[in-house]
Amino acid sequence: MESPILWTRTLHVLAALWLTAGVFASAVVFTVLKRTAEPAGRAFGLRLAWRLLTVYTLPGALLAGLLGLYQLMAGGFALNRGWIHTSVTLWAVLLATVLFVQMPKLKEAVRTGGGVPPVVAILTHVQALLIVVMVFLMALKPF
């Protein structure tokens, strides 16, 4: 019989890849949106960005984070390690920016047909950096 930790670790990695796909694809969409002048293209780009946020980024962040917390509890990791505190903090920041900044502002832009708020596009790049740092922390466990 396989260990549940192996299965949850596999699901955790898949969820993290799901999150990463959403964040990096959103960065590409926002870059293209910045250069698009025609209204139909802008409307399509905004709807695509909203779909990436709701189908990839948010579910990936929730699932990867919750499975990661389960891994900490069930896997017997020492919770006094610095890389764990840093990773959980970065995950909380990522989730908070998605839920409380990007989702409301992007939903409003889709509803009104306006442009992408600069903070939404900037936060996508910040989230990509947070993901890279979290992968580094979890892979190397430096402190």
Protein backbone atom coordinates (compact mmCIF):
# COMPACT_ATOMS: atom_id res chain seq x y z
CA MET A 1 0.00 0.00 0.00
CA GLU A 2 1.31 3.43 -0.99
CA SER A 3 1.86 6.19 1.52
CA PRO A 4 -0.74 9.00 1.50
CA ILE A 5 2.16 11.46 1.65
CA LEU A 6 3.33 10.30 -1.78
CA TRP A 7 -0.13 10.90 -3.26
CA THR A 8 -0.60 14.27 -1.63
CA ARG A 9 2.90 15.34 -2.68
CA THR A 10 2.09 14.39 -6.27
CA LEU A 11 -1.18 16.34 -6.11
CA HIS A 12 0.65 19.26 -4.48
CA VAL A 13 3.16 19.40 -7.34
CA LEU A 14 0.39 19.12 -9.96
CA ALA A 15 -1.57 21.92 -8.27
CA ALA A 16 1.58 24.06 -8.16
CA LEU A 17 2.07 23.48 -11.88
CA TRP A 18 -1.59 24.43 -12.43
CA LEU A 19 -1.00 27.66 -10.50
CA THR A 20 2.21 28.37 -12.40
CA ALA A 21 0.48 27.87 -15.75
CA GLY A 22 -2.18 30.40 -14.79
CA VAL A 23 0.24 33.02 -13.53
CA PHE A 24 2.71 32.80 -16.41
CA ALA A 25 -0.04 32.67 -19.05
CA SER A 26 -1.69 35.71 -17.44
CA ALA A 27 1.58 37.61 -17.73
CA VAL A 28 1.61 36.89 -21.47
CA VAL A 29 -2.05 37.91 -21.87
CA PHE A 30 -1.50 41.20 -20.03
CA THR A 31 1.53 41.97 -22.20
CA VAL A 32 -0.49 41.38 -25.37
CA LEU A 33 -3.42 43.37 -23.96
CA LYS A 34 -1.16 46.36 -23.41
CA ARG A 35 -0.37 46.44 -27.15
CA THR A 36 -3.91 45.77 -28.42
CA ALA A 37 -5.83 48.81 -29.61
CA GLU A 38 -9.02 47.33 -31.06
CA PRO A 39 -11.99 46.96 -28.67
CA ALA A 40 -12.85 43.38 -29.68
CA GLY A 41 -9.30 42.22 -28.98
CA ARG A 42 -9.25 44.01 -25.64
CA ALA A 43 -12.58 42.49 -24.60
CA PHE A 44 -11.37 39.01 -25.57
CA GLY A 45 -8.09 39.53 -23.70
CA LEU A 46 -9.89 40.68 -20.55
CA ARG A 47 -12.21 37.66 -20.63
CA LEU A 48 -9.23 35.36 -21.20
CA ALA A 49 -7.36 36.93 -18.27
CA TRP A 50 -10.44 36.50 -16.06
CA ARG A 51 -10.76 32.86 -17.13
CA LEU A 52 -7.08 32.19 -16.39
CA LEU A 53 -7.48 33.76 -12.97
CA THR A 54 -10.60 31.80 -12.03
CA VAL A 55 -9.74 28.45 -13.63
CA TYR A 56 -5.99 28.21 -13.11
CA THR A 57 -4.54 30.74 -10.68
CA LEU A 58 -7.06 30.75 -7.83
CA PRO A 59 -7.79 26.99 -7.70
CA GLY A 60 -4.08 26.22 -8.13
CA ALA A 61 -3.12 28.57 -5.30
CA LEU A 62 -5.78 27.18 -2.96
CA LEU A 63 -5.11 23.53 -3.70
CA ALA A 64 -1.31 23.77 -3.74
CA GLY A 65 -1.32 25.71 -0.48
CA LEU A 66 -3.74 23.46 1.35
CA LEU A 67 -1.95 20.31 0.19
CA GLY A 68 1.34 21.89 1.23
CA LEU A 69 -0.03 22.59 4.69
CA TYR A 70 -1.26 19.00 4.88
CA GLN A 71 2.22 17.83 3.91
CA LEU A 72 3.67 19.87 6.77
CA MET A 73 1.26 18.43 9.33
CA ALA A 74 1.22 14.81 8.19
CA GLY A 75 4.83 14.62 7.02
CA GLY A 76 6.38 15.37 10.37
CA PHE A 77 8.28 18.48 9.29
CA ALA A 78 9.70 20.61 12.06
CA LEU A 79 7.55 23.72 11.96
CA ASN A 80 10.30 25.87 13.48
CA ARG A 81 12.27 25.92 10.21
CA GLY A 82 12.71 29.28 8.53
CA TRP A 83 12.02 28.04 4.99
CA ILE A 84 8.61 26.78 6.12
CA HIS A 85 7.61 30.11 7.67
CA THR A 86 8.86 32.01 4.63
CA SER A 87 7.05 29.71 2.19
CA VAL A 88 3.76 29.89 4.07
CA THR A 89 4.05 33.68 4.28
CA LEU A 90 4.75 33.98 0.55
CA TRP A 91 1.81 31.69 -0.21
CA ALA A 92 -0.47 33.81 1.98
CA VAL A 93 0.68 36.98 0.20
CA LEU A 94 0.09 35.36 -3.20
CA LEU A 95 -3.38 34.19 -2.22
CA ALA A 96 -4.29 37.56 -0.70
CA THR A 97 -3.23 39.47 -3.81
CA VAL A 98 -5.28 37.16 -6.01
CA LEU A 99 -8.40 37.26 -3.84
CA PHE A 100 -8.44 40.86 -2.66
CA VAL A 101 -6.73 42.82 -5.44
CA GLN A 102 -6.68 41.01 -8.76
CA MET A 103 -10.10 39.37 -8.72
CA PRO A 104 -12.15 42.50 -7.87
CA LYS A 105 -10.20 44.80 -10.20
CA LEU A 106 -10.19 42.37 -13.13
CA LYS A 107 -13.88 41.57 -12.65
CA GLU A 108 -14.65 45.28 -12.77
CA ALA A 109 -12.55 45.71 -15.93
CA VAL A 110 -14.36 42.80 -17.62
CA ARG A 111 -17.76 44.19 -16.57
CA THR A 112 -17.10 47.73 -17.75
CA GLY A 113 -14.90 46.89 -20.72
CA GLY A 114 -12.17 49.18 -19.43
CA GLY A 115 -8.46 48.67 -19.58
CA VAL A 116 -6.43 46.41 -17.36
CA PRO A 117 -5.57 48.20 -14.13
CA PRO A 118 -1.76 48.45 -13.94
CA VAL A 119 -1.69 46.92 -10.46
CA VAL A 120 -3.27 43.71 -11.80
CA ALA A 121 -0.60 43.28 -14.46
CA ILE A 122 2.20 44.16 -12.04
CA LEU A 123 0.95 41.71 -9.42
CA THR A 124 1.04 38.91 -11.98
CA HIS A 125 4.80 39.41 -12.31
CA VAL A 126 5.17 39.65 -8.54
CA GLN A 127 3.28 36.36 -8.19
CA ALA A 128 5.58 34.73 -10.74
CA LEU A 129 8.56 35.84 -8.63
CA LEU A 130 6.89 34.51 -5.46
CA ILE A 131 6.38 31.13 -7.14
CA VAL A 132 10.04 30.95 -8.18
CA VAL A 133 11.17 31.83 -4.64
CA MET A 134 8.79 29.26 -3.09
CA VAL A 135 10.07 26.53 -5.43
CA PHE A 136 13.64 27.44 -4.47
CA LEU A 137 12.78 27.32 -0.75
CA MET A 138 10.94 24.00 -0.97
CA ALA A 139 13.52 22.32 -3.16
CA LEU A 140 16.65 23.40 -1.30
CA LYS A 141 15.34 24.04 2.24
CA PRO A 142 18.20 26.52 2.78
CA PHE A 143 17.47 27.56 6.38
